[in-house]
Amino acid sequence: MKAIRIQEFGPPEVMRIEDVALPVPSADQILIDIKAVGVNPVDTYIRAGLYGSRKFPYTSGIDAAGVVRQVGEAVGHVAVGQRIFISGSVSGTYAEQCLCHGMQVHSLPDNISFSQGAALGVPYGTAYRALFQRVHAAAGQMAFIHGASGGVGLAAVQFAKAAGLKIIATAGTEQGRQLLLEQGADLVLDHHVPGHFDKVLDFTDGQGVDILLEMLANVNLGKDLTVMAKKGQVVIIGSRGPVQIDPRDIMSREISILGTMSSLASEAEKTQAYKAIETGLTDGTLCPVIAQELPLSEAAKAHHAIMESAHCGKIVLIP
């Protein structure tokens, strides 16, 4: 089979497509024929060596969607030929096939394409965890999703909309802002305009927002704190460096600042999140938006693209 292999940490170009042996599932594993692969920012951080050591060579990737090809004798909840999406794998998802444990495989409804299925694992799992496990978002609250046109941001908008929250969302392009309006955001702003924080306060009659999801904390966190309501909660989803803040902004409103990392969720929390995702896909409240499909051989191009702010939706690779 074809797979992307990484021999050393470095820029996107260290990813090369190679022929490797087809993996064989053990009793508690599942072999998947991959139809689409989700590309996540975390994939780029791992490839660059920012997330600890790895045993080389390795195949990148956490998310994918496809069809069950072979099932280990100890696995009972999936069948050969079943459409599934993946959140995590044993062998890496940037490949034509991959191995998974049973808990990493989830049913993909017929109304969701394989490319959309590949967009679910990390983005929707992260958005659900941020909104409903790290904080307890509830109908009527005001949520500010700062940087909402990417995979996690769009997932958060959809979850928040379905839960009855009011939504302020930002994007850096006109295309992204139009998409957020279509997804149901109540106010959409350009986060490249410094005055957008003032518009957040104007929209909330000076009260601020109850929940803020931040995708680029090293740039925005200091200003985020100035638009929070009393007892407001900030969830940091992404950051690319250090940041300077004024603790008085936290103290004066008793703001809570929380981080989130999907990999730290308990098995019970993961089960809860993916059950909610499957329910939302079935009832139509969740629907991933695909920005671009690229062949697996262009994984390096996908890694360059995902770190740019201009894309709207999810980038996927097609084996």
C-alpha atoms as a PDB file:
ATOM      1  CA  MET A   1       0.000   0.000   0.000  1.00  0.00           C
ATOM      2  CA  LYS A   2       0.965   3.662  -0.342  1.00  0.00           C
ATOM      3  CA  ALA A   3       1.645   5.670   2.800  1.00  0.00           C
ATOM      4  CA  ILE A   4       3.273   8.945   3.787  1.00  0.00           C
ATOM      5  CA  ARG A   5       6.433   8.202   5.759  1.00  0.00           C
ATOM      6  CA  ILE A   6       8.457  10.607   7.880  1.00  0.00           C
ATOM      7  CA  GLN A   7      12.117   9.744   8.512  1.00  0.00           C
ATOM      8  CA  GLU A   8      13.000  12.849  10.564  1.00  0.00           C
ATOM      9  CA  PHE A   9      11.415  15.961  12.025  1.00  0.00           C
ATOM     10  CA  GLY A  10      11.406  18.989   9.782  1.00  0.00           C
ATOM     11  CA  PRO A  11       9.401  21.057   7.266  1.00  0.00           C
ATOM     12  CA  PRO A  12       6.458  19.617   5.307  1.00  0.00           C
ATOM     13  CA  GLU A  13       8.820  18.285   2.658  1.00  0.00           C
ATOM     14  CA  VAL A  14      10.089  15.559   5.024  1.00  0.00           C
ATOM     15  CA  MET A  15       6.832  13.743   4.224  1.00  0.00           C
ATOM     16  CA  ARG A  16       7.316  11.339   1.319  1.00  0.00           C
ATOM     17  CA  ILE A  17       4.998   8.771  -0.185  1.00  0.00           C
ATOM     18  CA  GLU A  18       6.342   5.214  -0.105  1.00  0.00           C
ATOM     19  CA  ASP A  19       5.258   1.617  -0.644  1.00  0.00           C
ATOM     20  CA  VAL A  20       4.850  -0.206   2.673  1.00  0.00           C
ATOM     21  CA  ALA A  21       3.487  -3.593   3.676  1.00  0.00           C
ATOM     22  CA  LEU A  22      -0.250  -3.905   4.276  1.00  0.00           C
ATOM     23  CA  PRO A  23      -0.770  -4.060   8.059  1.00  0.00           C
ATOM     24  CA  VAL A  24      -2.394  -7.128   9.612  1.00  0.00           C
ATOM     25  CA  PRO A  25      -4.888  -6.600  12.452  1.00  0.00           C
ATOM     26  CA  SER A  26      -4.496  -8.393  15.761  1.00  0.00           C
ATOM     27  CA  ALA A  27      -7.502  -9.782  17.604  1.00  0.00           C
ATOM     28  CA  ASP A  28      -8.543  -6.383  19.005  1.00  0.00           C
ATOM     29  CA  GLN A  29      -7.817  -4.303  15.886  1.00  0.00           C
ATOM     30  CA  ILE A  30      -9.603  -3.263  12.697  1.00  0.00           C
ATOM     31  CA  LEU A  31      -8.108  -2.766   9.228  1.00  0.00           C
ATOM     32  CA  ILE A  32      -9.594   0.186   7.342  1.00  0.00           C
ATOM     33  CA  ASP A  33      -9.550   1.016   3.636  1.00  0.00           C
ATOM     34  CA  ILE A  34      -9.099   4.789   3.823  1.00  0.00           C
ATOM     35  CA  LYS A  35     -11.137   6.951   1.438  1.00  0.00           C
ATOM     36  CA  ALA A  36     -10.230  10.378   2.852  1.00  0.00           C
ATOM     37  CA  VAL A  37      -7.755  11.732   5.420  1.00  0.00           C
ATOM     38  CA  GLY A  38      -8.293  14.758   7.657  1.00  0.00           C
ATOM     39  CA  VAL A  39      -5.374  17.187   7.924  1.00  0.00           C
ATOM     40  CA  ASN A  40      -5.086  18.915  11.311  1.00  0.00           C
ATOM     41  CA  PRO A  41      -2.750  21.610  12.645  1.00  0.00           C
ATOM     42  CA  VAL A  42      -1.598  19.132  15.305  1.00  0.00           C
ATOM     43  CA  ASP A  43      -0.244  16.926  12.484  1.00  0.00           C
ATOM     44  CA  THR A  44       2.099  19.757  11.505  1.00  0.00           C
ATOM     45  CA  TYR A  45       3.276  20.283  15.092  1.00  0.00           C
ATOM     46  CA  ILE A  46       4.083  16.584  15.463  1.00  0.00           C
ATOM     47  CA  ARG A  47       5.907  16.528  12.109  1.00  0.00           C
ATOM     48  CA  ALA A  48       7.974  19.549  13.150  1.00  0.00           C
ATOM     49  CA  GLY A  49       9.049  17.868  16.406  1.00  0.00           C
ATOM     50  CA  LEU A  50       7.112  20.169  18.732  1.00  0.00           C
ATOM     51  CA  TYR A  51       5.175  17.384  20.475  1.00  0.00           C
ATOM     52  CA  GLY A  52       7.927  15.158  21.819  1.00  0.00           C
ATOM     53  CA  SER A  53       9.916  12.305  20.363  1.00  0.00           C
ATOM     54  CA  ARG A  54       8.741   9.743  17.816  1.00  0.00           C
ATOM     55  CA  LYS A  55      10.066   6.421  16.588  1.00  0.00           C
ATOM     56  CA  PHE A  56      11.120   6.842  12.959  1.00  0.00           C
ATOM     57  CA  PRO A  57       9.959   6.203  10.362  1.00  0.00           C
ATOM     58  CA  TYR A  58       6.303   6.854  11.093  1.00  0.00           C
ATOM     59  CA  THR A  59       3.113   7.615   9.201  1.00  0.00           C
ATOM     60  CA  SER A  60       1.362  10.829  10.192  1.00  0.00           C
ATOM     61  CA  GLY A  61      -2.335  11.376  10.749  1.00  0.00           C
ATOM     62  CA  ILE A  62      -5.085  11.048  13.341  1.00  0.00           C
ATOM     63  CA  ASP A  63      -8.333  11.452  11.380  1.00  0.00           C
ATOM     64  CA  ALA A  64      -9.773   9.622   8.370  1.00  0.00           C
ATOM     65  CA  ALA A  65     -12.902   8.005   6.973  1.00  0.00           C
ATOM     66  CA  GLY A  66     -13.334   4.844   5.000  1.00  0.00           C
ATOM     67  CA  VAL A  67     -14.653   1.292   4.924  1.00  0.00           C
ATOM     68  CA  VAL A  68     -13.919  -1.618   7.267  1.00  0.00           C
ATOM     69  CA  ARG A  69     -11.775  -4.160   5.432  1.00  0.00           C
ATOM     70  CA  GLN A  70     -10.958  -6.702   8.144  1.00  0.00           C
ATOM     71  CA  VAL A  71     -12.040  -7.127  11.767  1.00  0.00           C
ATOM     72  CA  GLY A  72     -10.097  -8.829  14.546  1.00  0.00           C
ATOM     73  CA  GLU A  73     -11.878 -11.702  16.259  1.00  0.00           C
ATOM     74  CA  ALA A  74     -12.233  -9.792  19.544  1.00  0.00           C
ATOM     75  CA  VAL A  75     -13.966  -6.774  17.950  1.00  0.00           C
ATOM     76  CA  GLY A  76     -17.744  -6.956  17.897  1.00  0.00           C
ATOM     77  CA  HIS A  77     -19.218  -3.535  17.173  1.00  0.00           C
ATOM     78  CA  VAL A  78     -18.229  -3.075  13.501  1.00  0.00           C
ATOM     79  CA  ALA A  79     -18.561  -5.244  10.407  1.00  0.00           C
ATOM     80  CA  VAL A  80     -16.644  -5.682   7.163  1.00  0.00           C
ATOM     81  CA  GLY A  81     -17.931  -3.184   4.594  1.00  0.00           C
ATOM     82  CA  GLN A  82     -19.220  -0.690   7.169  1.00  0.00           C
ATOM     83  CA  ARG A  83     -18.682   3.033   6.557  1.00  0.00           C
ATOM     84  CA  ILE A  84     -16.764   4.600   9.443  1.00  0.00           C
ATOM     85  CA  PHE A  85     -14.807   7.638  10.560  1.00  0.00           C
ATOM     86  CA  ILE A  86     -11.639   7.435  12.614  1.00  0.00           C
ATOM     87  CA  SER A  87     -10.329   9.444  15.531  1.00  0.00           C
ATOM     88  CA  GLY A  88      -6.875   8.050  16.196  1.00  0.00           C
ATOM     89  CA  SER A  89      -5.145   4.988  14.796  1.00  0.00           C
ATOM     90  CA  VAL A  90      -2.401   2.494  15.508  1.00  0.00           C
ATOM     91  CA  SER A  91      -0.483   2.950  12.258  1.00  0.00           C
ATOM     92  CA  GLY A  92      -1.242   6.528  11.065  1.00  0.00           C
ATOM     93  CA  THR A  93      -3.955   7.680   8.681  1.00  0.00           C
ATOM     94  CA  TYR A  94      -1.928   9.284   5.848  1.00  0.00           C
ATOM     95  CA  ALA A  95      -2.127   5.994   3.952  1.00  0.00           C
ATOM     96  CA  GLU A  96      -4.330   3.803   1.790  1.00  0.00           C
ATOM     97  CA  GLN A  97      -5.038   1.528   4.763  1.00  0.00           C
ATOM     98  CA  CYS A  98      -4.598   1.821   8.513  1.00  0.00           C
ATOM     99  CA  LEU A  99      -5.016  -0.168  11.710  1.00  0.00           C
ATOM    100  CA  CYS A 100      -7.294   1.024  14.506  1.00  0.00           C
ATOM    101  CA  HIS A 101      -8.432  -0.127  17.918  1.00  0.00           C
ATOM    102  CA  GLY A 102     -12.165  -0.571  18.235  1.00  0.00           C
ATOM    103  CA  MET A 103     -12.676   2.568  20.335  1.00  0.00           C
ATOM    104  CA  GLN A 104     -11.078   4.690  17.574  1.00  0.00           C
ATOM    105  CA  VAL A 105     -13.711   3.741  14.978  1.00  0.00           C
ATOM    106  CA  HIS A 106     -17.181   5.303  14.746  1.00  0.00           C
ATOM    107  CA  SER A 107     -20.134   4.770  12.429  1.00  0.00           C
ATOM    108  CA  LEU A 108     -20.449   7.226   9.516  1.00  0.00           C
ATOM    109  CA  PRO A 109     -24.049   7.983   8.448  1.00  0.00           C
ATOM    110  CA  ASP A 110     -24.892   7.565   4.765  1.00  0.00           C
ATOM    111  CA  ASN A 111     -25.697  11.286   4.422  1.00  0.00           C
ATOM    112  CA  ILE A 112     -22.084  12.241   5.238  1.00  0.00           C
ATOM    113  CA  SER A 113     -19.387  11.869   2.565  1.00  0.00           C
ATOM    114  CA  PHE A 114     -16.025  10.263   3.269  1.00  0.00           C
ATOM    115  CA  SER A 115     -14.329  13.661   2.969  1.00  0.00           C
ATOM    116  CA  GLN A 116     -16.754  15.078   5.533  1.00  0.00           C
ATOM    117  CA  GLY A 117     -16.167  12.042   7.726  1.00  0.00           C
ATOM    118  CA  ALA A 118     -12.431  12.712   7.652  1.00  0.00           C
ATOM    119  CA  ALA A 119     -13.163  16.201   9.013  1.00  0.00           C
ATOM    120  CA  LEU A 120     -14.809  14.953  12.205  1.00  0.00           C
ATOM    121  CA  GLY A 121     -12.348  13.412  14.656  1.00  0.00           C
ATOM    122  CA  VAL A 122     -10.059  16.132  16.001  1.00  0.00           C
ATOM    123  CA  PRO A 123     -12.130  19.220  15.008  1.00  0.00           C
ATOM    124  CA  TYR A 124     -15.523  18.072  16.262  1.00  0.00           C
ATOM    125  CA  GLY A 125     -14.081  16.223  19.236  1.00  0.00           C
ATOM    126  CA  THR A 126     -12.160  19.357  20.238  1.00  0.00           C
ATOM    127  CA  ALA A 127     -15.134  21.673  19.752  1.00  0.00           C
ATOM    128  CA  TYR A 128     -17.429  19.450  21.817  1.00  0.00           C
ATOM    129  CA  ARG A 129     -14.860  19.101  24.588  1.00  0.00           C
ATOM    130  CA  ALA A 130     -14.276  22.855  24.720  1.00  0.00           C
ATOM    131  CA  LEU A 131     -17.961  23.776  24.850  1.00  0.00           C
ATOM    132  CA  PHE A 132     -19.481  21.009  26.934  1.00  0.00           C
ATOM    133  CA  GLN A 133     -16.708  19.339  28.924  1.00  0.00           C
ATOM    134  CA  ARG A 134     -14.234  22.107  29.728  1.00  0.00           C
ATOM    135  CA  VAL A 135     -17.101  24.573  30.219  1.00  0.00           C
ATOM    136  CA  HIS A 136     -20.784  23.723  30.416  1.00  0.00           C
ATOM    137  CA  ALA A 137     -22.285  25.774  27.624  1.00  0.00           C
ATOM    138  CA  ALA A 138     -26.044  26.277  27.857  1.00  0.00           C
ATOM    139  CA  ALA A 139     -28.835  27.821  25.816  1.00  0.00           C
ATOM    140  CA  GLY A 140     -28.987  31.596  26.002  1.00  0.00           C
ATOM    141  CA  GLN A 141     -25.309  32.132  26.780  1.00  0.00           C
ATOM    142  CA  MET A 142     -23.176  34.356  24.551  1.00  0.00           C
ATOM    143  CA  ALA A 143     -20.256  32.555  22.918  1.00  0.00           C
ATOM    144  CA  PHE A 144     -17.416  34.293  21.075  1.00  0.00           C
ATOM    145  CA  ILE A 145     -15.590  31.937  18.689  1.00  0.00           C
ATOM    146  CA  HIS A 146     -12.411  33.760  17.782  1.00  0.00           C
ATOM    147  CA  GLY A 147     -11.126  32.388  14.492  1.00  0.00           C
ATOM    148  CA  ALA A 148     -14.159  30.368  13.477  1.00  0.00           C
ATOM    149  CA  SER A 149     -13.740  29.570   9.782  1.00  0.00           C
ATOM    150  CA  GLY A 150     -11.391  26.593  10.210  1.00  0.00           C
ATOM    151  CA  GLY A 151     -12.341  23.021  11.078  1.00  0.00           C
ATOM    152  CA  VAL A 152     -12.614  23.430  14.868  1.00  0.00           C
ATOM    153  CA  GLY A 153     -14.245  26.847  14.661  1.00  0.00           C
ATOM    154  CA  LEU A 154     -16.975  25.723  12.261  1.00  0.00           C
ATOM    155  CA  ALA A 155     -17.629  22.651  14.408  1.00  0.00           C
ATOM    156  CA  ALA A 156     -17.973  24.917  17.452  1.00  0.00           C
ATOM    157  CA  VAL A 157     -20.420  27.193  15.628  1.00  0.00           C
ATOM    158  CA  GLN A 158     -22.571  24.205  14.679  1.00  0.00           C
ATOM    159  CA  PHE A 159     -22.530  22.720  18.185  1.00  0.00           C
ATOM    160  CA  ALA A 160     -23.278  26.098  19.776  1.00  0.00           C
ATOM    161  CA  LYS A 161     -26.107  26.807  17.352  1.00  0.00           C
ATOM    162  CA  ALA A 162     -27.710  23.424  18.026  1.00  0.00           C
ATOM    163  CA  ALA A 163     -27.444  24.025  21.787  1.00  0.00           C
ATOM    164  CA  GLY A 164     -29.211  27.393  21.608  1.00  0.00           C
ATOM    165  CA  LEU A 165     -26.281  29.710  22.322  1.00  0.00           C
ATOM    166  CA  LYS A 166     -25.927  33.161  20.799  1.00  0.00           C
ATOM    167  CA  ILE A 167     -22.797  33.284  18.656  1.00  0.00           C
ATOM    168  CA  ILE A 168     -20.237  35.934  17.779  1.00  0.00           C
ATOM    169  CA  ALA A 169     -17.697  34.567  15.313  1.00  0.00           C
ATOM    170  CA  THR A 170     -14.723  35.949  13.420  1.00  0.00           C
ATOM    171  CA  ALA A 171     -12.914  35.159  10.186  1.00  0.00           C
ATOM    172  CA  GLY A 172     -10.120  36.845   8.275  1.00  0.00           C
ATOM    173  CA  THR A 173     -11.654  36.665   4.799  1.00  0.00           C
ATOM    174  CA  GLU A 174     -14.933  37.734   3.233  1.00  0.00           C
ATOM    175  CA  GLN A 175     -15.538  34.141   2.145  1.00  0.00           C
ATOM    176  CA  GLY A 176     -15.058  32.947   5.708  1.00  0.00           C
ATOM    177  CA  ARG A 177     -17.361  35.587   7.143  1.00  0.00           C
ATOM    178  CA  GLN A 178     -20.113  34.726   4.656  1.00  0.00           C
ATOM    179  CA  LEU A 179     -19.747  31.052   5.538  1.00  0.00           C
ATOM    180  CA  LEU A 180     -20.145  31.822   9.246  1.00  0.00           C
ATOM    181  CA  LEU A 181     -23.331  33.765   8.573  1.00  0.00           C
ATOM    182  CA  GLU A 182     -24.659  30.797   6.609  1.00  0.00           C
ATOM    183  CA  GLN A 183     -23.792  28.544   9.548  1.00  0.00           C
ATOM    184  CA  GLY A 184     -25.959  30.626  11.861  1.00  0.00           C
ATOM    185  CA  ALA A 185     -23.626  33.019  13.685  1.00  0.00           C
ATOM    186  CA  ASP A 186     -25.520  36.033  15.087  1.00  0.00           C
ATOM    187  CA  LEU A 187     -22.642  38.481  14.556  1.00  0.00           C
ATOM    188  CA  VAL A 188     -19.647  37.963  12.269  1.00  0.00           C
ATOM    189  CA  LEU A 189     -16.550  40.161  12.446  1.00  0.00           C
ATOM    190  CA  ASP A 190     -13.187  40.535  10.726  1.00  0.00           C
ATOM    191  CA  HIS A 191     -10.503  39.706  13.301  1.00  0.00           C
ATOM    192  CA  HIS A 192      -7.883  41.577  11.289  1.00  0.00           C
ATOM    193  CA  VAL A 193      -9.640  44.834  12.225  1.00  0.00           C
ATOM    194  CA  PRO A 194      -8.417  45.991  15.688  1.00  0.00           C
ATOM    195  CA  GLY A 195     -11.803  47.525  16.468  1.00  0.00           C
ATOM    196  CA  HIS A 196     -13.623  44.192  16.338  1.00  0.00           C
ATOM    197  CA  PHE A 197     -13.285  43.855  20.119  1.00  0.00           C
ATOM    198  CA  ASP A 198     -15.257  47.091  20.530  1.00  0.00           C
ATOM    199  CA  LYS A 199     -18.013  45.635  18.340  1.00  0.00           C
ATOM    200  CA  VAL A 200     -18.206  42.603  20.620  1.00  0.00           C
ATOM    201  CA  LEU A 201     -18.877  44.881  23.590  1.00  0.00           C
ATOM    202  CA  ASP A 202     -21.383  46.931  21.587  1.00  0.00           C
ATOM    203  CA  PHE A 203     -23.282  43.774  20.580  1.00  0.00           C
ATOM    204  CA  THR A 204     -23.473  42.615  24.206  1.00  0.00           C
ATOM    205  CA  ASP A 205     -24.496  46.061  25.533  1.00  0.00           C
ATOM    206  CA  GLY A 206     -21.183  46.298  27.329  1.00  0.00           C
ATOM    207  CA  GLN A 207     -21.739  43.103  29.310  1.00  0.00           C
ATOM    208  CA  GLY A 208     -19.227  40.942  27.445  1.00  0.00           C
ATOM    209  CA  VAL A 209     -19.367  37.275  26.471  1.00  0.00           C
ATOM    210  CA  ASP A 210     -19.933  34.265  28.714  1.00  0.00           C
ATOM    211  CA  ILE A 211     -17.727  31.844  26.765  1.00  0.00           C
ATOM    212  CA  LEU A 212     -14.800  32.533  24.464  1.00  0.00           C
ATOM    213  CA  LEU A 213     -13.061  29.882  22.346  1.00  0.00           C
ATOM    214  CA  GLU A 214      -9.610  31.069  21.268  1.00  0.00           C
ATOM    215  CA  MET A 215      -7.732  29.529  18.330  1.00  0.00           C
ATOM    216  CA  LEU A 216      -4.638  31.769  18.459  1.00  0.00           C
ATOM    217  CA  ALA A 217      -4.024  32.699  22.071  1.00  0.00           C
ATOM    218  CA  ASN A 218      -0.509  34.077  21.569  1.00  0.00           C
ATOM    219  CA  VAL A 219      -2.001  36.864  19.431  1.00  0.00           C
ATOM    220  CA  ASN A 220      -5.404  37.432  21.010  1.00  0.00           C
ATOM    221  CA  LEU A 221      -5.625  36.380  24.652  1.00  0.00           C
ATOM    222  CA  GLY A 222      -4.696  39.742  26.150  1.00  0.00           C
ATOM    223  CA  LYS A 223      -7.502  41.485  24.259  1.00  0.00           C
ATOM    224  CA  ASP A 224      -9.914  38.580  24.755  1.00  0.00           C
ATOM    225  CA  LEU A 225      -9.898  39.223  28.482  1.00  0.00           C
ATOM    226  CA  THR A 226     -11.267  42.723  27.956  1.00  0.00           C
ATOM    227  CA  VAL A 227     -14.519  41.465  26.370  1.00  0.00           C
ATOM    228  CA  MET A 228     -15.424  38.822  28.946  1.00  0.00           C
ATOM    229  CA  ALA A 229     -18.523  38.985  31.132  1.00  0.00           C
ATOM    230  CA  LYS A 230     -18.264  38.538  34.887  1.00  0.00           C
ATOM    231  CA  LYS A 231     -17.489  34.882  35.685  1.00  0.00           C
ATOM    232  CA  GLY A 232     -16.777  34.408  31.967  1.00  0.00           C
ATOM    233  CA  GLN A 233     -14.764  31.437  30.741  1.00  0.00           C
ATOM    234  CA  VAL A 234     -12.028  31.401  28.099  1.00  0.00           C
ATOM    235  CA  VAL A 235     -11.026  28.092  26.519  1.00  0.00           C
ATOM    236  CA  ILE A 236      -7.677  28.091  24.728  1.00  0.00           C
ATOM    237  CA  ILE A 237      -7.784  25.711  21.776  1.00  0.00           C
ATOM    238  CA  GLY A 238      -4.702  26.891  19.883  1.00  0.00           C
ATOM    239  CA  SER A 239      -1.547  28.932  20.424  1.00  0.00           C
ATOM    240  CA  ARG A 240       1.751  29.317  18.600  1.00  0.00           C
ATOM    241  CA  GLY A 241       3.849  31.036  21.253  1.00  0.00           C
ATOM    242  CA  PRO A 242       3.877  33.004  24.520  1.00  0.00           C
ATOM    243  CA  VAL A 243       1.533  35.863  25.312  1.00  0.00           C
ATOM    244  CA  GLN A 244       1.452  38.829  27.690  1.00  0.00           C
ATOM    245  CA  ILE A 245      -1.736  39.525  29.646  1.00  0.00           C
ATOM    246  CA  ASP A 246      -2.883  41.871  32.402  1.00  0.00           C
ATOM    247  CA  PRO A 247      -3.988  39.765  35.410  1.00  0.00           C
ATOM    248  CA  ARG A 248      -6.204  42.649  36.549  1.00  0.00           C
ATOM    249  CA  ASP A 249      -8.544  41.843  33.646  1.00  0.00           C
ATOM    250  CA  ILE A 250      -8.953  38.352  35.097  1.00  0.00           C
ATOM    251  CA  MET A 251      -9.317  39.494  38.686  1.00  0.00           C
ATOM    252  CA  SER A 252     -11.826  42.264  38.040  1.00  0.00           C
ATOM    253  CA  ARG A 253     -14.319  39.884  36.399  1.00  0.00           C
ATOM    254  CA  GLU A 254     -13.262  36.612  38.068  1.00  0.00           C
ATOM    255  CA  ILE A 255     -12.604  35.150  34.639  1.00  0.00           C
ATOM    256  CA  SER A 256     -11.545  31.519  34.257  1.00  0.00           C
ATOM    257  CA  ILE A 257      -8.945  30.619  31.641  1.00  0.00           C
ATOM    258  CA  LEU A 258      -8.926  26.958  30.642  1.00  0.00           C
ATOM    259  CA  GLY A 259      -6.913  24.933  28.186  1.00  0.00           C
ATOM    260  CA  THR A 260      -8.146  21.947  26.223  1.00  0.00           C
ATOM    261  CA  MET A 261      -6.456  18.944  24.654  1.00  0.00           C
ATOM    262  CA  SER A 262      -8.605  16.167  23.210  1.00  0.00           C
ATOM    263  CA  SER A 263      -5.972  13.555  23.940  1.00  0.00           C
ATOM    264  CA  LEU A 264      -6.434  14.176  27.678  1.00  0.00           C
ATOM    265  CA  ALA A 265     -10.126  13.291  27.617  1.00  0.00           C
ATOM    266  CA  SER A 266     -11.128  10.200  29.574  1.00  0.00           C
ATOM    267  CA  GLU A 267     -12.655   7.223  27.774  1.00  0.00           C
ATOM    268  CA  ALA A 268     -16.052   8.212  29.172  1.00  0.00           C
ATOM    269  CA  GLU A 269     -15.632  11.764  27.855  1.00  0.00           C
ATOM    270  CA  LYS A 270     -14.565  10.494  24.428  1.00  0.00           C
ATOM    271  CA  THR A 271     -17.582   8.188  24.296  1.00  0.00           C
ATOM    272  CA  GLN A 272     -19.855  11.094  25.209  1.00  0.00           C
ATOM    273  CA  ALA A 273     -18.324  13.358  22.560  1.00  0.00           C
ATOM    274  CA  TYR A 274     -18.502  10.876  19.701  1.00  0.00           C
ATOM    275  CA  LYS A 275     -22.029   9.851  20.588  1.00  0.00           C
ATOM    276  CA  ALA A 276     -22.982  13.540  20.361  1.00  0.00           C
ATOM    277  CA  ILE A 277     -21.192  13.826  17.015  1.00  0.00           C
ATOM    278  CA  GLU A 278     -22.983  10.801  15.576  1.00  0.00           C
ATOM    279  CA  THR A 279     -26.321  12.170  16.806  1.00  0.00           C
ATOM    280  CA  GLY A 280     -25.648  15.574  15.252  1.00  0.00           C
ATOM    281  CA  LEU A 281     -24.670  14.042  11.926  1.00  0.00           C
ATOM    282  CA  THR A 282     -27.852  11.992  11.864  1.00  0.00           C
ATOM    283  CA  ASP A 283     -30.217  14.834  12.773  1.00  0.00           C
ATOM    284  CA  GLY A 284     -28.494  17.311  10.452  1.00  0.00           C
ATOM    285  CA  THR A 285     -27.283  19.831  13.036  1.00  0.00           C
ATOM    286  CA  LEU A 286     -23.651  18.935  12.253  1.00  0.00           C
ATOM    287  CA  CYS A 287     -22.248  18.998   8.727  1.00  0.00           C
ATOM    288  CA  PRO A 288     -18.498  19.417   8.055  1.00  0.00           C
ATOM    289  CA  VAL A 289     -17.454  21.956   5.427  1.00  0.00           C
ATOM    290  CA  ILE A 290     -14.687  20.857   3.062  1.00  0.00           C
ATOM    291  CA  ALA A 291     -12.335  23.559   1.818  1.00  0.00           C
ATOM    292  CA  GLN A 292     -10.031  21.514  -0.398  1.00  0.00           C
ATOM    293  CA  GLU A 293      -9.301  17.949  -1.473  1.00  0.00           C
ATOM    294  CA  LEU A 294      -5.728  17.024  -2.428  1.00  0.00           C
ATOM    295  CA  PRO A 295      -4.164  13.702  -3.423  1.00  0.00           C
ATOM    296  CA  LEU A 296      -2.248  11.876  -0.682  1.00  0.00           C
ATOM    297  CA  SER A 297       0.998  12.550  -2.547  1.00  0.00           C
ATOM    298  CA  GLU A 298       0.495  16.292  -1.903  1.00  0.00           C
ATOM    299  CA  ALA A 299       0.545  15.999   1.896  1.00  0.00           C
ATOM    300  CA  ALA A 300       3.324  18.604   2.082  1.00  0.00           C
ATOM    301  CA  LYS A 301       1.155  21.105   0.190  1.00  0.00           C
ATOM    302  CA  ALA A 302      -1.699  20.409   2.612  1.00  0.00           C
ATOM    303  CA  HIS A 303       0.564  21.103   5.616  1.00  0.00           C
ATOM    304  CA  HIS A 304       1.604  24.444   4.149  1.00  0.00           C
ATOM    305  CA  ALA A 305      -2.019  25.347   3.414  1.00  0.00           C
ATOM    306  CA  ILE A 306      -3.462  24.480   6.818  1.00  0.00           C
ATOM    307  CA  MET A 307      -1.127  26.898   8.578  1.00  0.00           C
ATOM    308  CA  GLU A 308      -2.432  29.776   6.471  1.00  0.00           C
ATOM    309  CA  SER A 309      -5.405  31.756   7.775  1.00  0.00           C
ATOM    310  CA  ALA A 310      -7.178  32.165   4.438  1.00  0.00           C
ATOM    311  CA  HIS A 311      -8.760  28.720   4.041  1.00  0.00           C
ATOM    312  CA  CYS A 312     -12.376  28.110   5.091  1.00  0.00           C
ATOM    313  CA  GLY A 313     -13.297  24.649   6.273  1.00  0.00           C
ATOM    314  CA  LYS A 314     -11.325  21.439   6.231  1.00  0.00           C
ATOM    315  CA  ILE A 315      -8.440  20.266   4.040  1.00  0.00           C
ATOM    316  CA  VAL A 316      -8.495  16.540   3.254  1.00  0.00           C
ATOM    317  CA  LEU A 317      -6.205  14.137   1.434  1.00  0.00           C
ATOM    318  CA  ILE A 318      -7.535  11.475  -0.940  1.00  0.00           C
ATOM    319  CA  PRO A 319      -5.466   8.249  -1.133  1.00  0.00           C
END
